[in-house]
Amino acid sequence: MRGLILTLVMPPTGFVVLILIGLLLGGRRRLGRRLTWISLIALILFGMPVVSYSMLLALESGLPLTPPPDHPPQAIVVLGAEVIRTHQEKLGIRPGLLTLDRLRTAAALHRRTGLPILVTGGTTQPDTPAVGLVMEQSLKDDFQAPPRWVESKSIDTWENARFSADILRAEGITSVYVVTHSWHMRRAVLAFQGTGLTVTAAPTSFDDPLGPDLDDFLPRASGWQTGYFAIHEWIGYAWYKLR
């Protein structure tokens, strides 16, 4: 239910819903026309990479990328993302592209530093294993970098941070690398504040700034997807600020 509501209110689907509401307001023509046109214009703008991509790039600045010299990281925490159902895998699901990108970054960091890995992510789909368990299997089979700890109860980034911190503090670990996407890192760092862990950001590759390309002013599917991630992160960041 939570996922359904989120899909209906978040752009671009949210704009489509508002357009339909505007068209259905036949008894209030002026209100209906205004709502329809405003939503349609917003939908078009949202699909333009020059708009949506700029919103995403703004999330990737000001991250704590340099480990503190007096308190270097002692472990690597990898935040889970999406998974995909499949009958061809042992667990019945496999990591999605976002999750794989984070696992690849974590495995490379592990090989470079020798630090142990913690994966974190709970159940996101009914009757499926936790994301953390899927990540554990993938790190073993696909990257030959098995994690030392698995956190499998969290349902969002806030709980990723809290539950992971509980595990690591019990091991005497108080400084970590956090691996997630660069556009998700701002919210992730905020979630770790107050957990007792010192965080150094280890994001996946940063997005390149847009060039002067006419195509960036044309709406397309990738623009709407990018805009969804951007709006989701900015709303999440604001919510965490208020917690």
Protein backbone atom coordinates (compact mmCIF):
# COMPACT_ATOMS: atom_id res chain seq x y z
CA MET A 1 0.00 0.00 0.00
CA ARG A 2 2.83 2.41 0.87
CA GLY A 3 4.47 1.74 -2.49
CA LEU A 4 1.20 2.26 -4.36
CA ILE A 5 0.54 5.61 -2.67
CA LEU A 6 4.11 6.73 -3.35
CA THR A 7 3.76 5.82 -7.03
CA LEU A 8 0.50 7.74 -7.39
CA VAL A 9 1.71 10.97 -5.76
CA MET A 10 5.29 11.12 -7.02
CA PRO A 11 6.12 12.60 -10.43
CA PRO A 12 5.64 11.80 -13.22
CA THR A 13 2.60 9.66 -12.29
CA GLY A 14 1.42 12.32 -9.86
CA PHE A 15 1.21 14.87 -12.68
CA VAL A 16 -0.80 12.41 -14.81
CA VAL A 17 -3.21 11.89 -11.91
CA LEU A 18 -3.66 15.66 -11.59
CA ILE A 19 -4.30 15.96 -15.34
CA LEU A 20 -7.03 13.32 -15.09
CA ILE A 21 -8.57 15.10 -12.10
CA GLY A 22 -8.56 18.35 -14.07
CA LEU A 23 -10.29 16.70 -17.02
CA LEU A 24 -12.90 15.17 -14.70
CA LEU A 25 -13.78 18.52 -13.13
CA GLY A 26 -16.33 19.20 -15.82
CA GLY A 27 -18.62 21.14 -13.47
CA ARG A 28 -15.83 23.55 -12.62
CA ARG A 29 -14.34 24.27 -16.02
CA ARG A 30 -11.99 27.09 -15.04
CA LEU A 31 -10.47 25.13 -12.14
CA GLY A 32 -10.25 21.99 -14.24
CA ARG A 33 -8.53 23.77 -17.14
CA ARG A 34 -6.01 25.43 -14.86
CA LEU A 35 -5.19 22.21 -13.06
CA THR A 36 -4.84 20.33 -16.35
CA TRP A 37 -2.57 22.92 -18.00
CA ILE A 38 -0.38 23.45 -14.93
CA SER A 39 0.06 19.69 -14.49
CA LEU A 40 0.77 19.18 -18.20
CA ILE A 41 3.43 21.91 -18.26
CA ALA A 42 5.00 20.51 -15.09
CA LEU A 43 5.04 17.03 -16.63
CA ILE A 44 6.82 18.31 -19.74
CA LEU A 45 9.36 20.33 -17.75
CA PHE A 46 10.00 17.39 -15.46
CA GLY A 47 10.91 15.20 -18.42
CA MET A 48 13.56 17.64 -19.65
CA PRO A 49 17.04 16.52 -18.54
CA VAL A 50 18.07 20.15 -18.15
CA VAL A 51 15.52 20.36 -15.31
CA SER A 52 15.50 16.89 -13.75
CA TYR A 53 19.23 16.26 -14.11
CA SER A 54 20.09 19.60 -12.54
CA MET A 55 17.96 18.72 -9.52
CA LEU A 56 19.86 15.44 -9.19
CA LEU A 57 23.31 17.00 -9.56
CA ALA A 58 22.55 19.44 -6.75
CA LEU A 59 22.29 16.47 -4.38
CA GLU A 60 25.86 15.38 -5.10
CA SER A 61 27.73 18.37 -3.70
CA GLY A 62 29.23 18.90 -0.26
CA LEU A 63 29.66 15.24 0.66
CA PRO A 64 32.23 14.13 3.30
CA LEU A 65 34.53 12.29 0.88
CA THR A 66 37.80 12.54 2.85
CA PRO A 67 38.29 10.19 5.82
CA PRO A 68 39.22 12.00 9.04
CA PRO A 69 42.97 11.44 9.59
CA ASP A 70 42.52 10.89 13.32
CA HIS A 71 39.57 8.49 12.94
CA PRO A 72 39.86 6.44 9.71
CA PRO A 73 37.06 4.07 8.65
CA GLN A 74 37.08 0.59 10.13
CA ALA A 75 34.34 -0.98 8.00
CA ILE A 76 32.25 -0.53 4.84
CA VAL A 77 28.45 -0.18 5.02
CA VAL A 78 26.53 -0.83 1.78
CA LEU A 79 22.92 0.39 1.58
CA GLY A 80 20.51 -1.79 -0.35
CA ALA A 81 18.30 -0.62 -3.21
CA GLU A 82 15.91 -2.52 -5.49
CA VAL A 83 15.65 -6.24 -6.24
CA ILE A 84 14.08 -8.17 -9.12
CA ARG A 85 12.00 -11.35 -8.89
CA THR A 86 13.32 -14.31 -10.89
CA HIS A 87 12.91 -18.09 -10.78
CA GLN A 88 16.45 -18.60 -12.03
CA GLU A 89 18.15 -17.49 -8.81
CA LYS A 90 18.62 -19.48 -5.60
CA LEU A 91 16.76 -16.94 -3.45
CA GLY A 92 14.01 -16.22 -5.98
CA ILE A 93 15.15 -12.61 -6.44
CA ARG A 94 18.33 -10.94 -7.64
CA PRO A 95 19.87 -7.50 -7.14
CA GLY A 96 18.58 -4.75 -9.41
CA LEU A 97 20.87 -2.42 -11.33
CA LEU A 98 21.05 0.16 -8.54
CA THR A 99 21.93 -2.49 -5.95
CA LEU A 100 24.55 -4.03 -8.24
CA ASP A 101 26.18 -0.65 -8.79
CA ARG A 102 26.53 -0.21 -5.02
CA LEU A 103 27.86 -3.74 -4.54
CA ARG A 104 30.45 -3.19 -7.27
CA THR A 105 31.64 0.01 -5.58
CA ALA A 106 31.79 -1.71 -2.18
CA ALA A 107 33.72 -4.71 -3.52
CA ALA A 108 36.29 -2.44 -5.16
CA LEU A 109 36.66 -0.45 -1.93
CA HIS A 110 37.03 -3.68 0.05
CA ARG A 111 39.82 -4.89 -2.22
CA ARG A 112 41.57 -1.54 -1.95
CA THR A 113 41.32 -1.17 1.83
CA GLY A 114 40.86 -4.70 3.17
CA LEU A 115 38.01 -3.47 5.40
CA PRO A 116 35.08 -5.78 6.28
CA ILE A 117 31.67 -5.18 4.70
CA LEU A 118 28.22 -4.82 6.24
CA VAL A 119 25.20 -5.02 3.91
CA THR A 120 21.88 -3.57 5.00
CA GLY A 121 18.36 -3.92 3.66
CA GLY A 122 15.13 -5.55 4.79
CA THR A 123 12.19 -7.10 2.95
CA THR A 124 10.74 -4.87 0.21
CA GLN A 125 8.45 -7.34 -1.57
CA PRO A 126 5.98 -9.85 -0.06
CA ASP A 127 7.18 -13.44 0.29
CA THR A 128 10.76 -12.65 -0.71
CA PRO A 129 14.05 -12.69 1.23
CA ALA A 130 15.48 -9.49 2.67
CA VAL A 131 17.54 -7.30 0.38
CA GLY A 132 20.51 -7.72 2.71
CA LEU A 133 20.49 -11.48 2.14
CA VAL A 134 20.39 -11.00 -1.63
CA MET A 135 23.30 -8.57 -1.40
CA GLU A 136 25.24 -11.05 0.71
CA GLN A 137 24.76 -13.78 -1.90
CA SER A 138 25.76 -11.47 -4.75
CA LEU A 139 28.92 -10.27 -3.00
CA LYS A 140 29.91 -13.91 -2.47
CA ASP A 141 29.06 -15.24 -5.93
CA ASP A 142 29.57 -12.25 -8.21
CA PHE A 143 32.33 -10.25 -6.53
CA GLN A 144 34.16 -12.78 -4.31
CA ALA A 145 33.90 -10.30 -1.43
CA PRO A 146 31.61 -11.91 1.20
CA PRO A 147 30.32 -9.48 3.84
CA ARG A 148 31.05 -10.00 7.52
CA TRP A 149 27.68 -8.69 8.72
CA VAL A 150 24.14 -8.71 7.28
CA GLU A 151 21.43 -6.35 8.55
CA SER A 152 18.07 -7.59 7.22
CA LYS A 153 15.32 -5.79 9.16
CA SER A 154 15.46 -2.18 7.98
CA ILE A 155 12.78 -0.82 5.63
CA ASP A 156 14.27 2.57 4.74
CA THR A 157 17.50 4.58 4.81
CA TRP A 158 16.86 5.85 8.33
CA GLU A 159 16.64 2.29 9.66
CA ASN A 160 19.59 1.21 7.48
CA ALA A 161 21.70 3.67 9.44
CA ARG A 162 20.28 2.95 12.90
CA PHE A 163 20.34 -0.85 12.70
CA SER A 164 23.76 -0.96 11.05
CA ALA A 165 25.18 1.32 13.73
CA ASP A 166 23.86 -1.01 16.44
CA ILE A 167 25.70 -3.96 14.90
CA LEU A 168 28.96 -2.09 14.37
CA ARG A 169 29.10 -0.35 17.73
CA ALA A 170 28.79 -3.76 19.38
CA GLU A 171 31.96 -4.70 17.49
CA GLY A 172 33.77 -1.57 18.68
CA ILE A 173 33.57 0.08 15.24
CA THR A 174 32.87 3.81 15.26
CA SER A 175 34.05 5.03 11.83
CA VAL A 176 32.81 3.71 8.48
CA TYR A 177 32.67 4.19 4.75
CA VAL A 178 29.07 4.38 3.53
CA VAL A 179 28.41 3.15 0.00
CA THR A 180 25.33 4.26 -1.93
CA HIS A 181 24.57 6.31 -5.03
CA SER A 182 25.99 9.80 -5.11
CA TRP A 183 22.49 11.33 -5.35
CA HIS A 184 21.34 9.26 -2.34
CA MET A 185 24.38 10.00 -0.21
CA ARG A 186 23.23 13.35 1.20
CA ARG A 187 20.18 11.73 2.80
CA ALA A 188 22.20 8.68 3.90
CA VAL A 189 24.81 10.81 5.70
CA LEU A 190 22.02 12.70 7.44
CA ALA A 191 20.46 9.39 8.54
CA PHE A 192 23.75 8.32 10.15
CA GLN A 193 24.03 11.49 12.21
CA GLY A 194 23.46 10.74 15.88
CA THR A 195 24.22 7.02 15.54
CA GLY A 196 27.68 7.29 17.08
CA LEU A 197 29.40 6.51 13.77
CA THR A 198 31.74 8.81 11.89
CA VAL A 199 30.81 8.61 8.20
CA THR A 200 33.01 8.96 5.14
CA ALA A 201 31.05 8.98 1.88
CA ALA A 202 32.09 6.39 -0.72
CA PRO A 203 29.51 6.98 -3.45
CA THR A 204 29.11 5.28 -6.79
CA SER A 205 30.33 7.35 -9.73
CA PHE A 206 29.24 10.98 -9.75
CA ASP A 207 27.02 12.12 -12.60
CA ASP A 208 28.64 14.34 -15.22
CA PRO A 209 27.32 17.89 -15.65
CA LEU A 210 25.08 18.42 -18.66
CA GLY A 211 26.66 19.80 -21.79
CA PRO A 212 25.13 22.39 -24.15
CA ASP A 213 22.89 19.93 -25.99
CA LEU A 214 19.53 20.75 -27.51
CA ASP A 215 18.30 17.25 -26.62
CA ASP A 216 18.51 18.20 -22.94
CA PHE A 217 15.52 20.49 -23.47
CA LEU A 218 13.36 17.71 -24.92
CA PRO A 219 11.29 15.58 -22.51
CA ARG A 220 12.12 11.88 -22.52
CA ALA A 221 11.68 8.80 -20.34
CA SER A 222 15.15 9.05 -18.79
CA GLY A 223 14.37 12.61 -17.73
CA TRP A 224 11.25 11.51 -15.85
CA GLN A 225 13.15 8.70 -14.17
CA THR A 226 15.94 11.06 -13.12
CA GLY A 227 13.40 13.55 -11.86
CA TYR A 228 11.68 10.86 -9.80
CA PHE A 229 14.95 10.03 -8.04
CA ALA A 230 15.71 13.72 -7.48
CA ILE A 231 12.31 14.62 -6.03
CA HIS A 232 12.27 11.48 -3.89
CA GLU A 233 15.67 12.33 -2.43
CA TRP A 234 14.93 16.01 -1.78
CA ILE A 235 11.67 15.14 -0.03
CA GLY A 236 13.40 12.41 1.97
CA TYR A 237 16.23 14.74 2.92
CA ALA A 238 13.78 17.40 4.12
CA TRP A 239 11.86 14.80 6.13
CA TYR A 240 15.02 13.54 7.81
CA LYS A 241 15.97 17.10 8.66
CA LEU A 242 12.71 17.41 10.59
CA ARG A 243 13.08 14.12 12.50
